[in-house]
Amino acid sequence: MNIKMTVEMEQETAKELITYKLSNISKLIDSILSKWNQSSIEELLEKAKTGELLEAEMDAISLKQLHADQQRLNKLLNSIEKN
């Protein structure tokens, strides 16, 4: 089930909330990459997939979701800034 909800708030408040969430996501991504000593999301995902980084599968799944969230929030932030 997909529920779509509209909430009214000041544009600056929305931008602050999204920016805060993006900052936290970036910190989590950096933390995972540092844990596995990798420099990019793509590199970690590939090495986890091929088995080069043993036991990295759960972090790779988390990283993939964090990256998707980051992209979605960046699009939302850009749409807010255009208005």
PDB file of N, CA and C in Angstrom:
ATOM      1  N   MET A   1       0.843  -1.166   0.000  1.00  0.00           N
ATOM      2  CA  MET A   1       0.000   0.000   0.000  1.00  0.00           C
ATOM      3  C   MET A   1       0.893   1.234   0.000  1.00  0.00           C
ATOM      4  N   ASN A   2       0.588   2.165  -0.880  1.00  0.00           N
ATOM      5  CA  ASN A   2       1.353   3.397  -1.003  1.00  0.00           C
ATOM      6  C   ASN A   2       0.450   4.561  -0.642  1.00  0.00           C
ATOM      7  N   ILE A   3       0.756   5.219   0.445  1.00  0.00           N
ATOM      8  CA  ILE A   3      -0.047   6.351   0.901  1.00  0.00           C
ATOM      9  C   ILE A   3       0.705   7.625   0.588  1.00  0.00           C
ATOM     10  N   LYS A   4       0.037   8.543  -0.066  1.00  0.00           N
ATOM     11  CA  LYS A   4       0.643   9.822  -0.395  1.00  0.00           C
ATOM     12  C   LYS A   4       0.002  10.884   0.482  1.00  0.00           C
ATOM     13  N   MET A   5       0.841  11.669   1.160  1.00  0.00           N
ATOM     14  CA  MET A   5       0.346  12.663   2.081  1.00  0.00           C
ATOM     15  C   MET A   5       0.976  14.014   1.748  1.00  0.00           C
ATOM     16  N   THR A   6       0.214  15.053   1.885  1.00  0.00           N
ATOM     17  CA  THR A   6       0.713  16.403   1.671  1.00  0.00           C
ATOM     18  C   THR A   6       0.720  17.133   3.004  1.00  0.00           C
ATOM     19  N   VAL A   7       1.855  17.755   3.299  1.00  0.00           N
ATOM     20  CA  VAL A   7       2.001  18.507   4.536  1.00  0.00           C
ATOM     21  C   VAL A   7       2.470  19.902   4.171  1.00  0.00           C
ATOM     22  N   GLU A   8       1.839  20.888   4.769  1.00  0.00           N
ATOM     23  CA  GLU A   8       2.262  22.262   4.521  1.00  0.00           C
ATOM     24  C   GLU A   8       3.265  22.687   5.577  1.00  0.00           C
ATOM     25  N   MET A   9       4.363  23.321   5.103  1.00  0.00           N
ATOM     26  CA  MET A   9       5.351  23.895   6.017  1.00  0.00           C
ATOM     27  C   MET A   9       6.123  24.964   5.264  1.00  0.00           C
ATOM     28  N   GLU A  10       6.803  25.785   6.024  1.00  0.00           N
ATOM     29  CA  GLU A  10       7.599  26.830   5.396  1.00  0.00           C
ATOM     30  C   GLU A  10       8.713  26.204   4.571  1.00  0.00           C
ATOM     31  N   GLN A  11       9.025  26.831   3.471  1.00  0.00           N
ATOM     32  CA  GLN A  11      10.039  26.312   2.554  1.00  0.00           C
ATOM     33  C   GLN A  11      11.386  26.161   3.258  1.00  0.00           C
ATOM     34  N   GLU A  12      11.776  27.140   4.050  1.00  0.00           N
ATOM     35  CA  GLU A  12      13.060  27.074   4.753  1.00  0.00           C
ATOM     36  C   GLU A  12      13.104  25.912   5.742  1.00  0.00           C
ATOM     37  N   THR A  13      11.994  25.650   6.417  1.00  0.00           N
ATOM     38  CA  THR A  13      11.925  24.532   7.368  1.00  0.00           C
ATOM     39  C   THR A  13      12.097  23.210   6.626  1.00  0.00           C
ATOM     40  N   ALA A  14      11.428  23.071   5.504  1.00  0.00           N
ATOM     41  CA  ALA A  14      11.543  21.848   4.702  1.00  0.00           C
ATOM     42  C   ALA A  14      12.987  21.656   4.239  1.00  0.00           C
ATOM     43  N   LYS A  15      13.613  22.728   3.769  1.00  0.00           N
ATOM     44  CA  LYS A  15      14.999  22.649   3.315  1.00  0.00           C
ATOM     45  C   LYS A  15      15.925  22.256   4.464  1.00  0.00           C
ATOM     46  N   GLU A  16      15.707  22.809   5.633  1.00  0.00           N
ATOM     47  CA  GLU A  16      16.540  22.476   6.795  1.00  0.00           C
ATOM     48  C   GLU A  16      16.394  21.008   7.180  1.00  0.00           C
ATOM     49  N   LEU A  17      15.164  20.513   7.191  1.00  0.00           N
ATOM     50  CA  LEU A  17      14.920  19.115   7.546  1.00  0.00           C
ATOM     51  C   LEU A  17      15.580  18.166   6.548  1.00  0.00           C
ATOM     52  N   ILE A  18      15.424  18.458   5.278  1.00  0.00           N
ATOM     53  CA  ILE A  18      16.000  17.610   4.238  1.00  0.00           C
ATOM     54  C   ILE A  18      17.527  17.665   4.290  1.00  0.00           C
ATOM     55  N   THR A  19      18.079  18.859   4.475  1.00  0.00           N
ATOM     56  CA  THR A  19      19.525  19.019   4.568  1.00  0.00           C
ATOM     57  C   THR A  19      20.085  18.259   5.765  1.00  0.00           C
ATOM     58  N   TYR A  20      19.374  18.300   6.889  1.00  0.00           N
ATOM     59  CA  TYR A  20      19.789  17.576   8.087  1.00  0.00           C
ATOM     60  C   TYR A  20      19.802  16.069   7.825  1.00  0.00           C
ATOM     61  N   LYS A  21      18.756  15.574   7.196  1.00  0.00           N
ATOM     62  CA  LYS A  21      18.658  14.148   6.883  1.00  0.00           C
ATOM     63  C   LYS A  21      19.760  13.743   5.901  1.00  0.00           C
ATOM     64  N   LEU A  22      20.011  14.579   4.896  1.00  0.00           N
ATOM     65  CA  LEU A  22      21.074  14.294   3.933  1.00  0.00           C
ATOM     66  C   LEU A  22      22.444  14.237   4.612  1.00  0.00           C
ATOM     67  N   SER A  23      22.665  15.117   5.560  1.00  0.00           N
ATOM     68  CA  SER A  23      23.925  15.131   6.298  1.00  0.00           C
ATOM     69  C   SER A  23      24.113  13.827   7.071  1.00  0.00           C
ATOM     70  N   ASN A  24      23.057  13.377   7.732  1.00  0.00           N
ATOM     71  CA  ASN A  24      23.132  12.118   8.479  1.00  0.00           C
ATOM     72  C   ASN A  24      23.363  10.924   7.562  1.00  0.00           C
ATOM     73  N   ILE A  25      22.704  10.921   6.420  1.00  0.00           N
ATOM     74  CA  ILE A  25      22.893   9.836   5.450  1.00  0.00           C
ATOM     75  C   ILE A  25      24.339   9.825   4.956  1.00  0.00           C
ATOM     76  N   SER A  26      24.880  10.994   4.667  1.00  0.00           N
ATOM     77  CA  SER A  26      26.272  11.088   4.201  1.00  0.00           C
ATOM     78  C   SER A  26      27.235  10.552   5.247  1.00  0.00           C
ATOM     79  N   LYS A  27      26.978  10.860   6.507  1.00  0.00           N
ATOM     80  CA  LYS A  27      27.833  10.360   7.584  1.00  0.00           C
ATOM     81  C   LYS A  27      27.760   8.833   7.675  1.00  0.00           C
ATOM     82  N   LEU A  28      26.566   8.286   7.531  1.00  0.00           N
ATOM     83  CA  LEU A  28      26.414   6.830   7.563  1.00  0.00           C
ATOM     84  C   LEU A  28      27.125   6.171   6.384  1.00  0.00           C
ATOM     85  N   ILE A  29      26.989   6.755   5.219  1.00  0.00           N
ATOM     86  CA  ILE A  29      27.668   6.230   4.026  1.00  0.00           C
ATOM     87  C   ILE A  29      29.171   6.265   4.230  1.00  0.00           C
ATOM     88  N   ASP A  30      29.687   7.404   4.692  1.00  0.00           N
ATOM     89  CA  ASP A  30      31.123   7.526   4.946  1.00  0.00           C
ATOM     90  C   ASP A  30      31.610   6.514   5.976  1.00  0.00           C
ATOM     91  N   SER A  31      30.794   6.282   6.991  1.00  0.00           N
ATOM     92  CA  SER A  31      31.139   5.326   8.038  1.00  0.00           C
ATOM     93  C   SER A  31      31.272   3.914   7.473  1.00  0.00           C
ATOM     94  N   ILE A  32      30.330   3.521   6.633  1.00  0.00           N
ATOM     95  CA  ILE A  32      30.371   2.186   6.026  1.00  0.00           C
ATOM     96  C   ILE A  32      31.569   2.064   5.092  1.00  0.00           C
ATOM     97  N   LEU A  33      31.802   3.083   4.279  1.00  0.00           N
ATOM     98  CA  LEU A  33      32.944   3.042   3.359  1.00  0.00           C
ATOM     99  C   LEU A  33      34.262   2.971   4.123  1.00  0.00           C
ATOM    100  N   SER A  34      34.360   3.720   5.209  1.00  0.00           N
ATOM    101  CA  SER A  34      35.575   3.696   6.027  1.00  0.00           C
ATOM    102  C   SER A  34      35.778   2.340   6.682  1.00  0.00           C
ATOM    103  N   LYS A  35      34.696   1.766   7.164  1.00  0.00           N
ATOM    104  CA  LYS A  35      34.770   0.444   7.813  1.00  0.00           C
ATOM    105  C   LYS A  35      35.426  -0.575   6.893  1.00  0.00           C
ATOM    106  N   TRP A  36      35.108  -0.510   5.610  1.00  0.00           N
ATOM    107  CA  TRP A  36      35.628  -1.466   4.644  1.00  0.00           C
ATOM    108  C   TRP A  36      36.799  -0.907   3.838  1.00  0.00           C
ATOM    109  N   ASN A  37      37.255   0.280   4.225  1.00  0.00           N
ATOM    110  CA  ASN A  37      38.389   0.933   3.565  1.00  0.00           C
ATOM    111  C   ASN A  37      38.177   1.063   2.053  1.00  0.00           C
ATOM    112  N   GLN A  38      36.999   1.560   1.682  1.00  0.00           N
ATOM    113  CA  GLN A  38      36.647   1.745   0.275  1.00  0.00           C
ATOM    114  C   GLN A  38      36.396   3.234   0.023  1.00  0.00           C
ATOM    115  N   SER A  39      36.621   3.658  -1.202  1.00  0.00           N
ATOM    116  CA  SER A  39      36.487   5.080  -1.513  1.00  0.00           C
ATOM    117  C   SER A  39      35.183   5.447  -2.210  1.00  0.00           C
ATOM    118  N   SER A  40      34.443   4.446  -2.680  1.00  0.00           N
ATOM    119  CA  SER A  40      33.185   4.761  -3.360  1.00  0.00           C
ATOM    120  C   SER A  40      32.139   3.689  -3.088  1.00  0.00           C
ATOM    121  N   ILE A  41      30.905   4.092  -3.228  1.00  0.00           N
ATOM    122  CA  ILE A  41      29.782   3.175  -3.043  1.00  0.00           C
ATOM    123  C   ILE A  41      29.866   2.037  -4.061  1.00  0.00           C
ATOM    124  N   GLU A  42      30.107   2.405  -5.313  1.00  0.00           N
ATOM    125  CA  GLU A  42      30.151   1.417  -6.385  1.00  0.00           C
ATOM    126  C   GLU A  42      31.233   0.367  -6.128  1.00  0.00           C
ATOM    127  N   GLU A  43      32.379   0.832  -5.624  1.00  0.00           N
ATOM    128  CA  GLU A  43      33.493  -0.078  -5.348  1.00  0.00           C
ATOM    129  C   GLU A  43      33.105  -1.087  -4.261  1.00  0.00           C
ATOM    130  N   LEU A  44      32.504  -0.613  -3.188  1.00  0.00           N
ATOM    131  CA  LEU A  44      32.107  -1.517  -2.115  1.00  0.00           C
ATOM    132  C   LEU A  44      31.034  -2.491  -2.589  1.00  0.00           C
ATOM    133  N   LEU A  45      30.053  -1.995  -3.324  1.00  0.00           N
ATOM    134  CA  LEU A  45      28.991  -2.869  -3.820  1.00  0.00           C
ATOM    135  C   LEU A  45      29.549  -3.972  -4.724  1.00  0.00           C
ATOM    136  N   GLU A  46      30.454  -3.609  -5.592  1.00  0.00           N
ATOM    137  CA  GLU A  46      31.040  -4.594  -6.504  1.00  0.00           C
ATOM    138  C   GLU A  46      31.862  -5.633  -5.746  1.00  0.00           C
ATOM    139  N   LYS A  47      32.662  -5.182  -4.802  1.00  0.00           N
ATOM    140  CA  LYS A  47      33.508  -6.111  -4.047  1.00  0.00           C
ATOM    141  C   LYS A  47      32.678  -7.014  -3.135  1.00  0.00           C
ATOM    142  N   ALA A  48      31.571  -6.489  -2.621  1.00  0.00           N
ATOM    143  CA  ALA A  48      30.684  -7.326  -1.804  1.00  0.00           C
ATOM    144  C   ALA A  48      29.999  -8.370  -2.689  1.00  0.00           C
ATOM    145  N   LYS A  49      29.615  -7.956  -3.886  1.00  0.00           N
ATOM    146  CA  LYS A  49      28.927  -8.852  -4.828  1.00  0.00           C
ATOM    147  C   LYS A  49      29.828  -9.994  -5.287  1.00  0.00           C
ATOM    148  N   THR A  50      31.079  -9.679  -5.543  1.00  0.00           N
ATOM    149  CA  THR A  50      32.007 -10.698  -6.042  1.00  0.00           C
ATOM    150  C   THR A  50      32.616 -11.539  -4.927  1.00  0.00           C
ATOM    151  N   GLY A  51      32.378 -11.148  -3.685  1.00  0.00           N
ATOM    152  CA  GLY A  51      32.922 -11.901  -2.552  1.00  0.00           C
ATOM    153  C   GLY A  51      34.317 -11.465  -2.147  1.00  0.00           C
ATOM    154  N   GLU A  52      34.813 -10.418  -2.795  1.00  0.00           N
ATOM    155  CA  GLU A  52      36.149  -9.912  -2.451  1.00  0.00           C
ATOM    156  C   GLU A  52      36.184  -9.367  -1.023  1.00  0.00           C
ATOM    157  N   LEU A  53      35.062  -8.793  -0.596  1.00  0.00           N
ATOM    158  CA  LEU A  53      34.925  -8.330   0.787  1.00  0.00           C
ATOM    159  C   LEU A  53      33.965  -9.271   1.500  1.00  0.00           C
ATOM    160  N   LEU A  54      34.528 -10.247   2.157  1.00  0.00           N
ATOM    161  CA  LEU A  54      33.715 -11.219   2.870  1.00  0.00           C
ATOM    162  C   LEU A  54      32.951 -10.537   4.000  1.00  0.00           C
ATOM    163  N   GLU A  55      31.744 -10.940   4.196  1.00  0.00           N
ATOM    164  CA  GLU A  55      30.871 -10.451   5.261  1.00  0.00           C
ATOM    165  C   GLU A  55      30.446  -8.981   5.092  1.00  0.00           C
ATOM    166  N   ALA A  56      30.577  -8.436   3.899  1.00  0.00           N
ATOM    167  CA  ALA A  56      30.176  -7.049   3.644  1.00  0.00           C
ATOM    168  C   ALA A  56      28.760  -6.947   3.090  1.00  0.00           C
ATOM    169  N   GLU A  57      28.098  -8.076   2.927  1.00  0.00           N
ATOM    170  CA  GLU A  57      26.798  -8.096   2.261  1.00  0.00           C
ATOM    171  C   GLU A  57      25.762  -7.206   2.948  1.00  0.00           C
ATOM    172  N   MET A  58      25.646  -7.297   4.272  1.00  0.00           N
ATOM    173  CA  MET A  58      24.638  -6.493   4.980  1.00  0.00           C
ATOM    174  C   MET A  58      24.944  -5.003   4.871  1.00  0.00           C
ATOM    175  N   ASP A  59      26.218  -4.647   4.971  1.00  0.00           N
ATOM    176  CA  ASP A  59      26.593  -3.242   4.811  1.00  0.00           C
ATOM    177  C   ASP A  59      26.340  -2.776   3.381  1.00  0.00           C
ATOM    178  N   ALA A  60      26.548  -3.647   2.418  1.00  0.00           N
ATOM    179  CA  ALA A  60      26.292  -3.291   1.018  1.00  0.00           C
ATOM    180  C   ALA A  60      24.804  -3.033   0.798  1.00  0.00           C
ATOM    181  N   ILE A  61      23.965  -3.853   1.409  1.00  0.00           N
ATOM    182  CA  ILE A  61      22.516  -3.652   1.298  1.00  0.00           C
ATOM    183  C   ILE A  61      22.125  -2.319   1.933  1.00  0.00           C
ATOM    184  N   SER A  62      22.654  -2.052   3.105  1.00  0.00           N
ATOM    185  CA  SER A  62      22.375  -0.772   3.784  1.00  0.00           C
ATOM    186  C   SER A  62      22.863   0.394   2.947  1.00  0.00           C
ATOM    187  N   LEU A  63      24.049   0.252   2.399  1.00  0.00           N
ATOM    188  CA  LEU A  63      24.639   1.309   1.583  1.00  0.00           C
ATOM    189  C   LEU A  63      23.798   1.595   0.345  1.00  0.00           C
ATOM    190  N   LYS A  64      23.320   0.544  -0.267  1.00  0.00           N
ATOM    191  CA  LYS A  64      22.480   0.707  -1.462  1.00  0.00           C
ATOM    192  C   LYS A  64      21.199   1.474  -1.125  1.00  0.00           C
ATOM    193  N   GLN A  65      20.582   1.148   0.018  1.00  0.00           N
ATOM    194  CA  GLN A  65      19.364   1.839   0.434  1.00  0.00           C
ATOM    195  C   GLN A  65      19.653   3.287   0.828  1.00  0.00           C
ATOM    196  N   LEU A  66      20.741   3.509   1.538  1.00  0.00           N
ATOM    197  CA  LEU A  66      21.126   4.873   1.917  1.00  0.00           C
ATOM    198  C   LEU A  66      21.365   5.731   0.682  1.00  0.00           C
ATOM    199  N   HIS A  67      22.014   5.149  -0.306  1.00  0.00           N
ATOM    200  CA  HIS A  67      22.288   5.876  -1.546  1.00  0.00           C
ATOM    201  C   HIS A  67      20.980   6.227  -2.272  1.00  0.00           C
ATOM    202  N   ALA A  68      20.044   5.302  -2.296  1.00  0.00           N
ATOM    203  CA  ALA A  68      18.740   5.568  -2.916  1.00  0.00           C
ATOM    204  C   ALA A  68      18.007   6.675  -2.160  1.00  0.00           C
ATOM    205  N   ASP A  69      18.059   6.627  -0.834  1.00  0.00           N
ATOM    206  CA  ASP A  69      17.432   7.681  -0.019  1.00  0.00           C
ATOM    207  C   ASP A  69      18.089   9.031  -0.286  1.00  0.00           C
ATOM    208  N   GLN A  70      19.403   9.022  -0.400  1.00  0.00           N
ATOM    209  CA  GLN A  70      20.145  10.243  -0.662  1.00  0.00           C
ATOM    210  C   GLN A  70      19.736  10.857  -2.004  1.00  0.00           C
ATOM    211  N   GLN A  71      19.615  10.034  -3.014  1.00  0.00           N
ATOM    212  CA  GLN A  71      19.214  10.525  -4.337  1.00  0.00           C
ATOM    213  C   GLN A  71      17.790  11.083  -4.305  1.00  0.00           C
ATOM    214  N   ARG A  72      16.879  10.373  -3.632  1.00  0.00           N
ATOM    215  CA  ARG A  72      15.489  10.820  -3.530  1.00  0.00           C
ATOM    216  C   ARG A  72      15.399  12.165  -2.801  1.00  0.00           C
ATOM    217  N   LEU A  73      16.132  12.304  -1.711  1.00  0.00           N
ATOM    218  CA  LEU A  73      16.101  13.554  -0.946  1.00  0.00           C
ATOM    219  C   LEU A  73      16.754  14.702  -1.707  1.00  0.00           C
ATOM    220  N   ASN A  74      17.803  14.411  -2.462  1.00  0.00           N
ATOM    221  CA  ASN A  74      18.422  15.457  -3.285  1.00  0.00           C
ATOM    222  C   ASN A  74      17.448  15.971  -4.338  1.00  0.00           C
ATOM    223  N   LYS A  75      16.687  15.066  -4.955  1.00  0.00           N
ATOM    224  CA  LYS A  75      15.674  15.485  -5.927  1.00  0.00           C
ATOM    225  C   LYS A  75      14.608  16.348  -5.265  1.00  0.00           C
ATOM    226  N   LEU A  76      14.178  15.935  -4.077  1.00  0.00           N
ATOM    227  CA  LEU A  76      13.176  16.702  -3.343  1.00  0.00           C
ATOM    228  C   LEU A  76      13.699  18.082  -2.984  1.00  0.00           C
ATOM    229  N   LEU A  77      14.928  18.142  -2.506  1.00  0.00           N
ATOM    230  CA  LEU A  77      15.541  19.429  -2.153  1.00  0.00           C
ATOM    231  C   LEU A  77      15.650  20.329  -3.365  1.00  0.00           C
ATOM    232  N   ASN A  78      16.060  19.769  -4.502  1.00  0.00           N
ATOM    233  CA  ASN A  78      16.167  20.562  -5.734  1.00  0.00           C
ATOM    234  C   ASN A  78      14.809  21.089  -6.162  1.00  0.00           C
ATOM    235  N   SER A  79      13.766  20.285  -6.012  1.00  0.00           N
ATOM    236  CA  SER A  79      12.430  20.746  -6.412  1.00  0.00           C
ATOM    237  C   SER A  79      11.944  21.865  -5.482  1.00  0.00           C
ATOM    238  N   ILE A  80      12.297  21.789  -4.224  1.00  0.00           N
ATOM    239  CA  ILE A  80      11.900  22.843  -3.273  1.00  0.00           C
ATOM    240  C   ILE A  80      12.649  24.127  -3.582  1.00  0.00           C
ATOM    241  N   GLU A  81      13.928  24.012  -3.887  1.00  0.00           N
ATOM    242  CA  GLU A  81      14.741  25.204  -4.164  1.00  0.00           C
ATOM    243  C   GLU A  81      14.327  25.895  -5.445  1.00  0.00           C
ATOM    244  N   LYS A  82      13.724  25.162  -6.392  1.00  0.00           N
ATOM    245  CA  LYS A  82      13.277  25.768  -7.653  1.00  0.00           C
ATOM    246  C   LYS A  82      12.022  26.620  -7.453  1.00  0.00           C
ATOM    247  N   ASN A  83      11.264  26.333  -6.391  1.00  0.00           N
ATOM    248  CA  ASN A  83      10.015  27.075  -6.154  1.00  0.00           C
ATOM    249  C   ASN A  83      10.247  28.344  -5.402  1.00  0.00           C
TER     250      ASN A  83
END
